[in-house]
Amino acid sequence: MMSLSQETGSLSLELAKRFEVSRSPIREALQGLEKEGTVIAEPYKGAVVKPLSPEEALDIAELRLAVITLAAKTAYRHLSPADFDLAYGLAKQITRSNSAKEQFECNRRFWDIIFEGTRRPIRWEVFRQLDDRMTRYYPLFDKLFPDPAKRPRQHEALIDFYRKGKVEEAVRAFKKNYLEVVHRMIDHLKSE
């Protein structure tokens, strides 16, 4: 684990000086990082970056997949051809990009389209929380799949089958590709 400071108070002061802001936004940022599981903060001891964990990755991935499955099945009837086109374009960007930030942004917009179609805001809220926790694993995805031409295309597969009206096949194709990615990440994390 990487230590950010000996004392949270001195860390927020140090970062506030470095970024020329008050301590309040620094403390809020550290609290946000703790909430999403990126850091572990201990009063009077500091904040520590939490290492990537195969158990955490699997928990997040399994829960995300369950929520995605629910969303994908109910969203289909509310999505238009224009939604499919937009989502497919985002799926291609996710696959082509070498930037974890761009992948995250495109992925979030992709799922925004799908979850908006569900008309179930609680599912979207739960998914966003899980997705925020999964964000720390995006650079690992790029490390494991550096060549965009060889990356899994689970988002594209979902939309391809959606366009044909084959919702169950869309979900199956997505799950298959998604789980291959998850298991490769977990195997890598266990081997470190």
N, C-alpha and C. Protein backbone atom coordinates (compact mmCIF):
# COMPACT_ATOMS: atom_id res chain seq x y z
N MET A 1 0.84 -1.18 0.00
CA MET A 1 0.00 0.00 0.00
C MET A 1 0.88 1.24 0.00
N MET A 2 0.42 2.27 -0.65
CA MET A 2 1.18 3.51 -0.70
C MET A 2 0.59 4.51 0.28
N SER A 3 1.42 5.04 1.15
CA SER A 3 0.97 6.01 2.14
C SER A 3 0.97 7.40 1.55
N LEU A 4 -0.12 8.12 1.79
CA LEU A 4 -0.21 9.49 1.30
C LEU A 4 0.35 10.49 2.28
N SER A 5 0.37 10.15 3.56
CA SER A 5 0.88 11.06 4.57
C SER A 5 0.82 10.39 5.92
N GLN A 6 1.55 10.93 6.84
CA GLN A 6 1.49 10.42 8.19
C GLN A 6 0.21 10.89 8.89
N GLU A 7 -0.20 12.09 8.63
CA GLU A 7 -1.39 12.63 9.27
C GLU A 7 -2.30 13.23 8.20
N THR A 8 -3.60 12.90 8.28
CA THR A 8 -4.54 13.42 7.30
C THR A 8 -4.55 14.93 7.32
N GLY A 9 -4.43 15.54 8.49
CA GLY A 9 -4.40 17.00 8.59
C GLY A 9 -3.23 17.59 7.84
N SER A 10 -2.05 17.00 8.01
CA SER A 10 -0.88 17.53 7.30
C SER A 10 -0.98 17.25 5.81
N LEU A 11 -1.62 16.14 5.43
CA LEU A 11 -1.81 15.84 4.02
C LEU A 11 -2.70 16.88 3.37
N SER A 12 -3.83 17.18 4.00
CA SER A 12 -4.73 18.16 3.39
C SER A 12 -4.07 19.53 3.33
N LEU A 13 -3.29 19.87 4.32
CA LEU A 13 -2.57 21.15 4.30
C LEU A 13 -1.52 21.17 3.18
N GLU A 14 -0.78 20.08 3.08
CA GLU A 14 0.26 19.96 2.05
C GLU A 14 -0.36 20.05 0.64
N LEU A 15 -1.44 19.31 0.41
CA LEU A 15 -2.09 19.34 -0.90
C LEU A 15 -2.75 20.69 -1.18
N ALA A 16 -3.32 21.29 -0.15
CA ALA A 16 -3.95 22.62 -0.33
C ALA A 16 -2.91 23.64 -0.78
N LYS A 17 -1.74 23.58 -0.18
CA LYS A 17 -0.66 24.50 -0.60
C LYS A 17 -0.21 24.21 -2.02
N ARG A 18 -0.02 22.94 -2.32
CA ARG A 18 0.45 22.55 -3.64
C ARG A 18 -0.50 22.98 -4.76
N PHE A 19 -1.81 22.82 -4.53
CA PHE A 19 -2.80 23.14 -5.56
C PHE A 19 -3.45 24.51 -5.38
N GLU A 20 -2.95 25.25 -4.38
CA GLU A 20 -3.42 26.61 -4.12
C GLU A 20 -4.94 26.68 -3.96
N VAL A 21 -5.43 25.81 -3.09
CA VAL A 21 -6.86 25.80 -2.74
C VAL A 21 -6.96 25.69 -1.22
N SER A 22 -8.18 25.86 -0.72
CA SER A 22 -8.36 25.70 0.73
C SER A 22 -8.35 24.21 1.06
N ARG A 23 -8.31 23.90 2.34
CA ARG A 23 -8.27 22.51 2.77
C ARG A 23 -9.61 21.79 2.58
N SER A 24 -10.70 22.54 2.57
CA SER A 24 -12.02 21.90 2.46
C SER A 24 -12.17 21.04 1.20
N PRO A 25 -11.85 21.55 0.00
CA PRO A 25 -12.00 20.68 -1.18
C PRO A 25 -11.05 19.48 -1.15
N ILE A 26 -9.90 19.65 -0.53
CA ILE A 26 -8.97 18.53 -0.41
C ILE A 26 -9.56 17.45 0.49
N ARG A 27 -10.10 17.87 1.63
CA ARG A 27 -10.73 16.90 2.54
C ARG A 27 -11.91 16.22 1.86
N GLU A 28 -12.71 16.97 1.11
CA GLU A 28 -13.85 16.38 0.40
C GLU A 28 -13.37 15.37 -0.64
N ALA A 29 -12.29 15.71 -1.34
CA ALA A 29 -11.75 14.79 -2.34
C ALA A 29 -11.25 13.50 -1.68
N LEU A 30 -10.56 13.63 -0.57
CA LEU A 30 -10.07 12.45 0.14
C LEU A 30 -11.23 11.60 0.66
N GLN A 31 -12.29 12.25 1.13
CA GLN A 31 -13.48 11.52 1.59
C GLN A 31 -14.13 10.79 0.42
N GLY A 32 -14.17 11.45 -0.75
CA GLY A 32 -14.71 10.81 -1.95
C GLY A 32 -13.89 9.59 -2.36
N LEU A 33 -12.57 9.72 -2.31
CA LEU A 33 -11.70 8.60 -2.63
C LEU A 33 -11.88 7.45 -1.65
N GLU A 34 -12.10 7.80 -0.38
CA GLU A 34 -12.35 6.76 0.62
C GLU A 34 -13.69 6.09 0.36
N LYS A 35 -14.69 6.87 0.04
CA LYS A 35 -16.02 6.33 -0.21
C LYS A 35 -16.02 5.38 -1.41
N GLU A 36 -15.27 5.72 -2.45
CA GLU A 36 -15.25 4.85 -3.63
C GLU A 36 -14.30 3.66 -3.46
N GLY A 37 -13.58 3.62 -2.34
CA GLY A 37 -12.72 2.48 -2.06
C GLY A 37 -11.30 2.61 -2.57
N THR A 38 -10.90 3.79 -3.02
CA THR A 38 -9.56 3.99 -3.54
C THR A 38 -8.53 4.17 -2.43
N VAL A 39 -8.92 4.83 -1.36
CA VAL A 39 -8.01 5.02 -0.24
C VAL A 39 -8.66 4.55 1.05
N ILE A 40 -7.80 4.27 2.01
CA ILE A 40 -8.24 3.93 3.36
C ILE A 40 -7.69 5.04 4.25
N ALA A 41 -8.58 5.77 4.89
CA ALA A 41 -8.15 6.88 5.75
C ALA A 41 -8.28 6.46 7.21
N GLU A 42 -7.22 6.74 7.95
CA GLU A 42 -7.23 6.47 9.39
C GLU A 42 -6.93 7.77 10.10
N PRO A 43 -7.82 8.19 11.02
CA PRO A 43 -7.57 9.44 11.74
C PRO A 43 -6.20 9.45 12.41
N TYR A 44 -5.53 10.55 12.26
CA TYR A 44 -4.21 10.80 12.85
C TYR A 44 -3.10 9.90 12.30
N LYS A 45 -3.41 9.12 11.29
CA LYS A 45 -2.38 8.27 10.68
C LYS A 45 -2.20 8.58 9.21
N GLY A 46 -3.23 9.08 8.56
CA GLY A 46 -3.12 9.43 7.15
C GLY A 46 -4.04 8.61 6.28
N ALA A 47 -3.78 8.69 5.00
CA ALA A 47 -4.57 7.97 4.01
C ALA A 47 -3.63 7.08 3.22
N VAL A 48 -4.09 5.88 2.93
CA VAL A 48 -3.29 4.90 2.22
C VAL A 48 -4.05 4.47 0.97
N VAL A 49 -3.35 4.43 -0.17
CA VAL A 49 -3.98 3.95 -1.40
C VAL A 49 -4.21 2.46 -1.25
N LYS A 50 -5.44 2.05 -1.47
CA LYS A 50 -5.82 0.65 -1.33
C LYS A 50 -5.34 -0.11 -2.58
N PRO A 51 -4.67 -1.23 -2.39
CA PRO A 51 -4.19 -1.98 -3.56
C PRO A 51 -5.36 -2.62 -4.31
N LEU A 52 -5.14 -2.88 -5.60
CA LEU A 52 -6.14 -3.60 -6.38
C LEU A 52 -6.24 -5.01 -5.82
N SER A 53 -7.45 -5.52 -5.77
CA SER A 53 -7.69 -6.81 -5.14
C SER A 53 -8.52 -7.71 -6.05
N PRO A 54 -8.11 -8.97 -6.21
CA PRO A 54 -8.93 -9.87 -7.04
C PRO A 54 -10.32 -10.10 -6.45
N GLU A 55 -10.41 -10.13 -5.12
CA GLU A 55 -11.71 -10.33 -4.47
C GLU A 55 -12.63 -9.14 -4.72
N GLU A 56 -12.08 -7.93 -4.56
CA GLU A 56 -12.88 -6.74 -4.80
C GLU A 56 -13.30 -6.66 -6.27
N ALA A 57 -12.38 -6.93 -7.17
CA ALA A 57 -12.70 -6.88 -8.61
C ALA A 57 -13.82 -7.85 -8.94
N LEU A 58 -13.75 -9.06 -8.39
CA LEU A 58 -14.79 -10.06 -8.66
C LEU A 58 -16.12 -9.64 -8.08
N ASP A 59 -16.12 -9.14 -6.84
CA ASP A 59 -17.38 -8.68 -6.23
C ASP A 59 -18.03 -7.58 -7.05
N ILE A 60 -17.24 -6.58 -7.42
CA ILE A 60 -17.78 -5.46 -8.20
C ILE A 60 -18.28 -5.96 -9.55
N ALA A 61 -17.48 -6.79 -10.20
CA ALA A 61 -17.84 -7.28 -11.54
C ALA A 61 -19.12 -8.11 -11.51
N GLU A 62 -19.25 -8.98 -10.53
CA GLU A 62 -20.46 -9.81 -10.45
C GLU A 62 -21.70 -8.97 -10.19
N LEU A 63 -21.59 -8.01 -9.28
CA LEU A 63 -22.73 -7.14 -9.00
C LEU A 63 -23.09 -6.26 -10.20
N ARG A 64 -22.05 -5.71 -10.86
CA ARG A 64 -22.29 -4.91 -12.07
C ARG A 64 -23.02 -5.76 -13.12
N LEU A 65 -22.56 -6.99 -13.31
CA LEU A 65 -23.16 -7.86 -14.31
C LEU A 65 -24.63 -8.13 -14.00
N ALA A 66 -24.95 -8.35 -12.74
CA ALA A 66 -26.36 -8.58 -12.36
C ALA A 66 -27.22 -7.36 -12.68
N VAL A 67 -26.72 -6.18 -12.37
CA VAL A 67 -27.49 -4.95 -12.64
C VAL A 67 -27.56 -4.70 -14.16
N ILE A 68 -26.47 -4.94 -14.86
CA ILE A 68 -26.47 -4.78 -16.32
C ILE A 68 -27.48 -5.73 -16.96
N THR A 69 -27.52 -6.97 -16.49
CA THR A 69 -28.47 -7.95 -17.03
C THR A 69 -29.91 -7.48 -16.85
N LEU A 70 -30.22 -7.00 -15.66
CA LEU A 70 -31.57 -6.47 -15.42
C LEU A 70 -31.87 -5.29 -16.35
N ALA A 71 -30.91 -4.41 -16.48
CA ALA A 71 -31.10 -3.21 -17.31
C ALA A 71 -31.24 -3.58 -18.78
N ALA A 72 -30.37 -4.45 -19.26
CA ALA A 72 -30.37 -4.79 -20.68
C ALA A 72 -31.69 -5.44 -21.10
N LYS A 73 -32.25 -6.25 -20.24
CA LYS A 73 -33.50 -6.92 -20.59
C LYS A 73 -34.68 -5.96 -20.60
N THR A 74 -34.71 -5.01 -19.69
CA THR A 74 -35.87 -4.10 -19.64
C THR A 74 -35.72 -2.87 -20.53
N ALA A 75 -34.48 -2.51 -20.88
CA ALA A 75 -34.26 -1.29 -21.67
C ALA A 75 -34.64 -1.45 -23.13
N TYR A 76 -34.46 -2.63 -23.66
CA TYR A 76 -34.58 -2.83 -25.10
C TYR A 76 -35.84 -2.21 -25.71
N ARG A 77 -36.98 -2.44 -25.12
CA ARG A 77 -38.23 -1.98 -25.72
C ARG A 77 -38.38 -0.45 -25.72
N HIS A 78 -37.54 0.23 -24.96
CA HIS A 78 -37.61 1.69 -24.89
C HIS A 78 -36.53 2.39 -25.70
N LEU A 79 -35.65 1.62 -26.33
CA LEU A 79 -34.55 2.21 -27.08
C LEU A 79 -34.91 2.34 -28.56
N SER A 80 -34.46 3.42 -29.15
CA SER A 80 -34.74 3.68 -30.56
C SER A 80 -33.53 3.30 -31.41
N PRO A 81 -33.70 3.23 -32.73
CA PRO A 81 -32.54 3.01 -33.60
C PRO A 81 -31.45 4.07 -33.40
N ALA A 82 -31.84 5.30 -33.12
CA ALA A 82 -30.85 6.36 -32.86
C ALA A 82 -30.07 6.05 -31.58
N ASP A 83 -30.74 5.51 -30.57
CA ASP A 83 -30.06 5.11 -29.33
C ASP A 83 -29.04 4.01 -29.63
N PHE A 84 -29.45 3.03 -30.46
CA PHE A 84 -28.53 1.95 -30.84
C PHE A 84 -27.30 2.51 -31.55
N ASP A 85 -27.53 3.45 -32.46
CA ASP A 85 -26.42 4.05 -33.21
C ASP A 85 -25.46 4.78 -32.28
N LEU A 86 -26.01 5.58 -31.38
CA LEU A 86 -25.18 6.33 -30.45
C LEU A 86 -24.39 5.39 -29.53
N ALA A 87 -25.10 4.39 -28.98
CA ALA A 87 -24.45 3.43 -28.09
C ALA A 87 -23.36 2.65 -28.83
N TYR A 88 -23.62 2.28 -30.07
CA TYR A 88 -22.63 1.52 -30.84
C TYR A 88 -21.39 2.37 -31.11
N GLY A 89 -21.60 3.65 -31.43
CA GLY A 89 -20.47 4.56 -31.63
C GLY A 89 -19.62 4.68 -30.37
N LEU A 90 -20.27 4.76 -29.23
CA LEU A 90 -19.55 4.83 -27.95
C LEU A 90 -18.80 3.52 -27.68
N ALA A 91 -19.44 2.40 -28.01
CA ALA A 91 -18.81 1.09 -27.83
C ALA A 91 -17.52 1.01 -28.65
N LYS A 92 -17.56 1.49 -29.86
CA LYS A 92 -16.36 1.47 -30.70
C LYS A 92 -15.27 2.37 -30.12
N GLN A 93 -15.67 3.53 -29.57
CA GLN A 93 -14.69 4.43 -28.94
C GLN A 93 -14.05 3.76 -27.73
N ILE A 94 -14.83 3.06 -26.94
CA ILE A 94 -14.31 2.36 -25.77
C ILE A 94 -13.21 1.39 -26.21
N THR A 95 -13.49 0.64 -27.27
CA THR A 95 -12.54 -0.35 -27.76
C THR A 95 -11.29 0.28 -28.35
N ARG A 96 -11.43 1.37 -29.07
CA ARG A 96 -10.29 2.00 -29.76
C ARG A 96 -9.40 2.84 -28.86
N SER A 97 -9.95 3.39 -27.80
CA SER A 97 -9.20 4.35 -26.99
C SER A 97 -8.11 3.68 -26.16
N ASN A 98 -7.00 4.38 -26.02
CA ASN A 98 -5.92 3.93 -25.14
C ASN A 98 -5.88 4.77 -23.87
N SER A 99 -6.90 5.58 -23.66
CA SER A 99 -6.98 6.43 -22.48
C SER A 99 -8.03 5.86 -21.52
N ALA A 100 -7.60 5.54 -20.30
CA ALA A 100 -8.54 5.03 -19.30
C ALA A 100 -9.64 6.05 -19.02
N LYS A 101 -9.28 7.33 -19.04
CA LYS A 101 -10.27 8.38 -18.79
C LYS A 101 -11.33 8.40 -19.90
N GLU A 102 -10.89 8.34 -21.15
CA GLU A 102 -11.84 8.34 -22.26
C GLU A 102 -12.70 7.08 -22.25
N GLN A 103 -12.08 5.94 -21.93
CA GLN A 103 -12.85 4.70 -21.84
C GLN A 103 -13.94 4.82 -20.77
N PHE A 104 -13.57 5.38 -19.62
CA PHE A 104 -14.54 5.55 -18.55
C PHE A 104 -15.69 6.46 -19.00
N GLU A 105 -15.35 7.59 -19.61
CA GLU A 105 -16.38 8.55 -20.04
C GLU A 105 -17.31 7.94 -21.08
N CYS A 106 -16.75 7.24 -22.06
CA CYS A 106 -17.58 6.61 -23.10
C CYS A 106 -18.42 5.48 -22.51
N ASN A 107 -17.81 4.72 -21.61
CA ASN A 107 -18.53 3.64 -20.95
C ASN A 107 -19.71 4.19 -20.15
N ARG A 108 -19.48 5.29 -19.44
CA ARG A 108 -20.55 5.90 -18.63
C ARG A 108 -21.68 6.38 -19.54
N ARG A 109 -21.34 7.01 -20.66
CA ARG A 109 -22.37 7.48 -21.59
C ARG A 109 -23.11 6.31 -22.24
N PHE A 110 -22.37 5.24 -22.55
CA PHE A 110 -22.99 4.03 -23.11
C PHE A 110 -24.06 3.51 -22.15
N TRP A 111 -23.66 3.33 -20.89
CA TRP A 111 -24.61 2.78 -19.92
C TRP A 111 -25.71 3.78 -19.57
N ASP A 112 -25.43 5.04 -19.70
CA ASP A 112 -26.47 6.05 -19.49
C ASP A 112 -27.61 5.83 -20.48
N ILE A 113 -27.28 5.53 -21.72
CA ILE A 113 -28.30 5.26 -22.74
C ILE A 113 -29.11 4.03 -22.36
N ILE A 114 -28.42 2.97 -21.98
CA ILE A 114 -29.11 1.72 -21.65
C ILE A 114 -29.99 1.89 -20.41
N PHE A 115 -29.42 2.47 -19.36
CA PHE A 115 -30.17 2.59 -18.12
C PHE A 115 -31.30 3.61 -18.23
N GLU A 116 -31.14 4.63 -19.06
CA GLU A 116 -32.24 5.57 -19.29
C GLU A 116 -33.41 4.82 -19.91
N GLY A 117 -33.10 3.85 -20.76
CA GLY A 117 -34.14 3.04 -21.37
C GLY A 117 -34.89 2.17 -20.39
N THR A 118 -34.27 1.85 -19.26
CA THR A 118 -34.95 0.99 -18.28
C THR A 118 -36.04 1.75 -17.53
N ARG A 119 -35.82 3.05 -17.44
CA ARG A 119 -36.73 3.90 -16.65
C ARG A 119 -36.80 3.43 -15.20
N ARG A 120 -35.65 2.98 -14.71
CA ARG A 120 -35.52 2.49 -13.34
C ARG A 120 -34.32 3.18 -12.71
N PRO A 121 -34.52 4.38 -12.14
CA PRO A 121 -33.39 5.19 -11.65
C PRO A 121 -32.58 4.54 -10.53
N ILE A 122 -33.18 3.69 -9.74
CA ILE A 122 -32.42 3.06 -8.65
C ILE A 122 -31.37 2.12 -9.21
N ARG A 123 -31.71 1.41 -10.28
CA ARG A 123 -30.73 0.52 -10.92
C ARG A 123 -29.54 1.33 -11.44
N TRP A 124 -29.84 2.49 -12.04
CA TRP A 124 -28.79 3.35 -12.57
C TRP A 124 -27.90 3.87 -11.44
N GLU A 125 -28.52 4.23 -10.35
CA GLU A 125 -27.76 4.73 -9.20
C GLU A 125 -26.82 3.65 -8.64
N VAL A 126 -27.34 2.45 -8.50
CA VAL A 126 -26.53 1.34 -7.99
C VAL A 126 -25.39 1.04 -8.97
N PHE A 127 -25.70 1.02 -10.26
CA PHE A 127 -24.67 0.76 -11.26
C PHE A 127 -23.57 1.81 -11.21
N ARG A 128 -23.96 3.08 -11.11
CA ARG A 128 -22.95 4.16 -11.07
C ARG A 128 -22.01 3.99 -9.89
N GLN A 129 -22.56 3.62 -8.75
CA GLN A 129 -21.71 3.41 -7.57
C GLN A 129 -20.72 2.27 -7.81
N LEU A 130 -21.20 1.19 -8.39
CA LEU A 130 -20.31 0.06 -8.69
C LEU A 130 -19.28 0.45 -9.75
N ASP A 131 -19.74 1.18 -10.75
CA ASP A 131 -18.85 1.61 -11.83
C ASP A 131 -17.76 2.54 -11.30
N ASP A 132 -18.13 3.41 -10.37
CA ASP A 132 -17.14 4.30 -9.76
C ASP A 132 -16.06 3.48 -9.05
N ARG A 133 -16.46 2.42 -8.39
CA ARG A 133 -15.47 1.57 -7.70
C ARG A 133 -14.62 0.80 -8.69
N MET A 134 -15.18 0.48 -9.85
CA MET A 134 -14.44 -0.28 -10.86
C MET A 134 -13.44 0.60 -11.61
N THR A 135 -13.59 1.91 -11.52
CA THR A 135 -12.74 2.84 -12.25
C THR A 135 -11.26 2.59 -12.01
N ARG A 136 -10.89 2.23 -10.78
CA ARG A 136 -9.47 2.02 -10.48
C ARG A 136 -8.87 0.86 -11.25
N TYR A 137 -9.72 0.00 -11.82
CA TYR A 137 -9.24 -1.16 -12.55
C TYR A 137 -9.09 -0.90 -14.05
N TYR A 138 -9.54 0.26 -14.53
CA TYR A 138 -9.45 0.57 -15.97
C TYR A 138 -8.02 0.54 -16.50
N PRO A 139 -7.04 1.13 -15.80
CA PRO A 139 -5.66 1.04 -16.32
C PRO A 139 -5.17 -0.40 -16.45
N LEU A 140 -5.65 -1.30 -15.58
CA LEU A 140 -5.28 -2.70 -15.67
C LEU A 140 -5.84 -3.31 -16.96
N PHE A 141 -7.06 -2.92 -17.32
CA PHE A 141 -7.65 -3.38 -18.58
C PHE A 141 -6.75 -3.02 -19.75
N ASP A 142 -6.28 -1.77 -19.77
CA ASP A 142 -5.39 -1.33 -20.85
C ASP A 142 -4.07 -2.09 -20.85
N LYS A 143 -3.60 -2.44 -19.66
CA LYS A 143 -2.35 -3.20 -19.56
C LYS A 143 -2.55 -4.62 -20.12
N LEU A 144 -3.69 -5.23 -19.81
CA LEU A 144 -3.95 -6.59 -20.25
C LEU A 144 -4.36 -6.68 -21.72
N PHE A 145 -4.95 -5.60 -22.21
CA PHE A 145 -5.41 -5.56 -23.60
C PHE A 145 -4.86 -4.32 -24.29
N PRO A 146 -3.54 -4.27 -24.50
CA PRO A 146 -2.94 -3.04 -25.04
C PRO A 146 -3.29 -2.78 -26.51
N ASP A 147 -3.58 -3.83 -27.26
CA ASP A 147 -3.88 -3.68 -28.68
C ASP A 147 -5.39 -3.54 -28.88
N PRO A 148 -5.86 -2.36 -29.28
CA PRO A 148 -7.30 -2.16 -29.47
C PRO A 148 -7.93 -3.18 -30.43
N ALA A 149 -7.17 -3.67 -31.39
CA ALA A 149 -7.72 -4.64 -32.35
C ALA A 149 -8.03 -5.98 -31.70
N LYS A 150 -7.42 -6.27 -30.56
CA LYS A 150 -7.61 -7.57 -29.90
C LYS A 150 -8.44 -7.47 -28.63
N ARG A 151 -9.02 -6.31 -28.38
CA ARG A 151 -9.81 -6.13 -27.16
C ARG A 151 -11.18 -6.79 -27.30
N PRO A 152 -11.70 -7.30 -26.19
CA PRO A 152 -13.07 -7.84 -26.20
C PRO A 152 -14.06 -6.74 -26.58
N ARG A 153 -15.11 -7.12 -27.24
CA ARG A 153 -16.08 -6.16 -27.74
C ARG A 153 -17.49 -6.44 -27.18
N GLN A 154 -17.57 -6.53 -25.84
CA GLN A 154 -18.85 -6.87 -25.23
C GLN A 154 -19.93 -5.82 -25.46
N HIS A 155 -19.55 -4.55 -25.47
CA HIS A 155 -20.53 -3.49 -25.70
C HIS A 155 -21.08 -3.57 -27.13
N GLU A 156 -20.19 -3.78 -28.09
CA GLU A 156 -20.60 -3.88 -29.49
C GLU A 156 -21.49 -5.09 -29.70
N ALA A 157 -21.14 -6.22 -29.06
CA ALA A 157 -21.95 -7.44 -29.20
C ALA A 157 -23.36 -7.21 -28.67
N LEU A 158 -23.47 -6.52 -27.55
CA LEU A 158 -24.78 -6.23 -26.98
C LEU A 158 -25.65 -5.47 -27.98
N ILE A 159 -25.09 -4.43 -28.57
CA ILE A 159 -25.87 -3.60 -29.50
C ILE A 159 -26.15 -4.36 -30.80
N ASP A 160 -25.19 -5.14 -31.29
CA ASP A 160 -25.42 -5.92 -32.53
C ASP A 160 -26.66 -6.81 -32.38
N PHE A 161 -26.75 -7.52 -31.26
CA PHE A 161 -27.91 -8.39 -31.05
C PHE A 161 -29.17 -7.60 -30.75
N TYR A 162 -29.05 -6.50 -30.04
CA TYR A 162 -30.19 -5.62 -29.79
C TYR A 162 -30.84 -5.20 -31.11
N ARG A 163 -30.00 -4.78 -32.05
CA ARG A 163 -30.52 -4.32 -33.35
C ARG A 163 -31.32 -5.40 -34.06
N LYS A 164 -30.98 -6.65 -33.81
CA LYS A 164 -31.69 -7.77 -34.43
C LYS A 164 -32.92 -8.18 -33.62
N GLY A 165 -33.13 -7.52 -32.47
CA GLY A 165 -34.26 -7.86 -31.62
C GLY A 165 -34.03 -9.09 -30.77
N LYS A 166 -32.78 -9.53 -30.65
CA LYS A 166 -32.45 -10.75 -29.90
C LYS A 166 -31.87 -10.36 -28.54
N VAL A 167 -32.76 -10.03 -27.63
CA VAL A 167 -32.36 -9.51 -26.33
C VAL A 167 -31.62 -10.55 -25.49
N GLU A 168 -32.14 -11.77 -25.43
CA GLU A 168 -31.48 -12.81 -24.63
C GLU A 168 -30.09 -13.12 -25.18
N GLU A 169 -29.96 -13.17 -26.51
CA GLU A 169 -28.64 -13.41 -27.11
C GLU A 169 -27.71 -12.23 -26.86
N ALA A 170 -28.27 -11.02 -26.84
CA ALA A 170 -27.46 -9.83 -26.56
C ALA A 170 -26.86 -9.93 -25.17
N VAL A 171 -27.68 -10.31 -24.21
CA VAL A 171 -27.22 -10.43 -22.82
C VAL A 171 -26.19 -11.56 -22.71
N ARG A 172 -26.46 -12.69 -23.35
CA ARG A 172 -25.51 -13.81 -23.31
C ARG A 172 -24.16 -13.43 -23.91
N ALA A 173 -24.18 -12.76 -25.06
CA ALA A 173 -22.93 -12.36 -25.72
C ALA A 173 -22.15 -11.37 -24.85
N PHE A 174 -22.88 -10.42 -24.26
CA PHE A 174 -22.22 -9.47 -23.38
C PHE A 174 -21.58 -10.19 -22.20
N LYS A 175 -22.35 -11.06 -21.54
CA LYS A 175 -21.85 -11.77 -20.36
C LYS A 175 -20.60 -12.58 -20.69
N LYS A 176 -20.62 -13.29 -21.81
CA LYS A 176 -19.48 -14.12 -22.19
C LYS A 176 -18.21 -13.28 -22.30
N ASN A 177 -18.27 -12.20 -23.05
CA ASN A 177 -17.09 -11.34 -23.23
C ASN A 177 -16.69 -10.66 -21.92
N TYR A 178 -17.68 -10.19 -21.20
CA TYR A 178 -17.43 -9.48 -19.93
C TYR A 178 -16.72 -10.40 -18.94
N LEU A 179 -17.21 -11.62 -18.80
CA LEU A 179 -16.61 -12.55 -17.84
C LEU A 179 -15.20 -12.96 -18.25
N GLU A 180 -14.93 -13.05 -19.55
CA GLU A 180 -13.57 -13.33 -20.01
C GLU A 180 -12.62 -12.22 -19.54
N VAL A 181 -13.06 -10.96 -19.66
CA VAL A 181 -12.25 -9.83 -19.21
C VAL A 181 -12.04 -9.90 -17.70
N VAL A 182 -13.11 -10.12 -16.97
CA VAL A 182 -13.05 -10.16 -15.50
C VAL A 182 -12.09 -11.26 -15.04
N HIS A 183 -12.22 -12.45 -15.61
CA HIS A 183 -11.36 -13.56 -15.18
C HIS A 183 -9.89 -13.32 -15.55
N ARG A 184 -9.66 -12.67 -16.65
CA ARG A 184 -8.28 -12.35 -17.01
C ARG A 184 -7.69 -11.34 -16.02
N MET A 185 -8.50 -10.36 -15.63
CA MET A 185 -8.04 -9.37 -14.63
C MET A 185 -7.76 -10.05 -13.30
N ILE A 186 -8.66 -10.91 -12.88
CA ILE A 186 -8.50 -11.58 -11.60
C ILE A 186 -7.28 -12.49 -11.61
N ASP A 187 -7.08 -13.23 -12.67
CA ASP A 187 -5.89 -14.10 -12.78
C ASP A 187 -4.62 -13.25 -12.69
N HIS A 188 -4.63 -12.11 -13.35
CA HIS A 188 -3.46 -11.23 -13.31
C HIS A 188 -3.21 -10.71 -11.88
N LEU A 189 -4.28 -10.27 -11.22
CA LEU A 189 -4.14 -9.76 -9.86
C LEU A 189 -3.65 -10.82 -8.89
N LYS A 190 -4.11 -12.05 -9.06
CA LYS A 190 -3.67 -13.15 -8.19
C LYS A 190 -2.20 -13.49 -8.43
N SER A 191 -1.73 -13.28 -9.64
CA SER A 191 -0.35 -13.64 -9.96
C SER A 191 0.66 -12.58 -9.52
N GLU A 192 0.19 -11.40 -9.14
CA GLU A 192 1.10 -10.32 -8.71
C GLU A 192 1.60 -10.54 -7.30
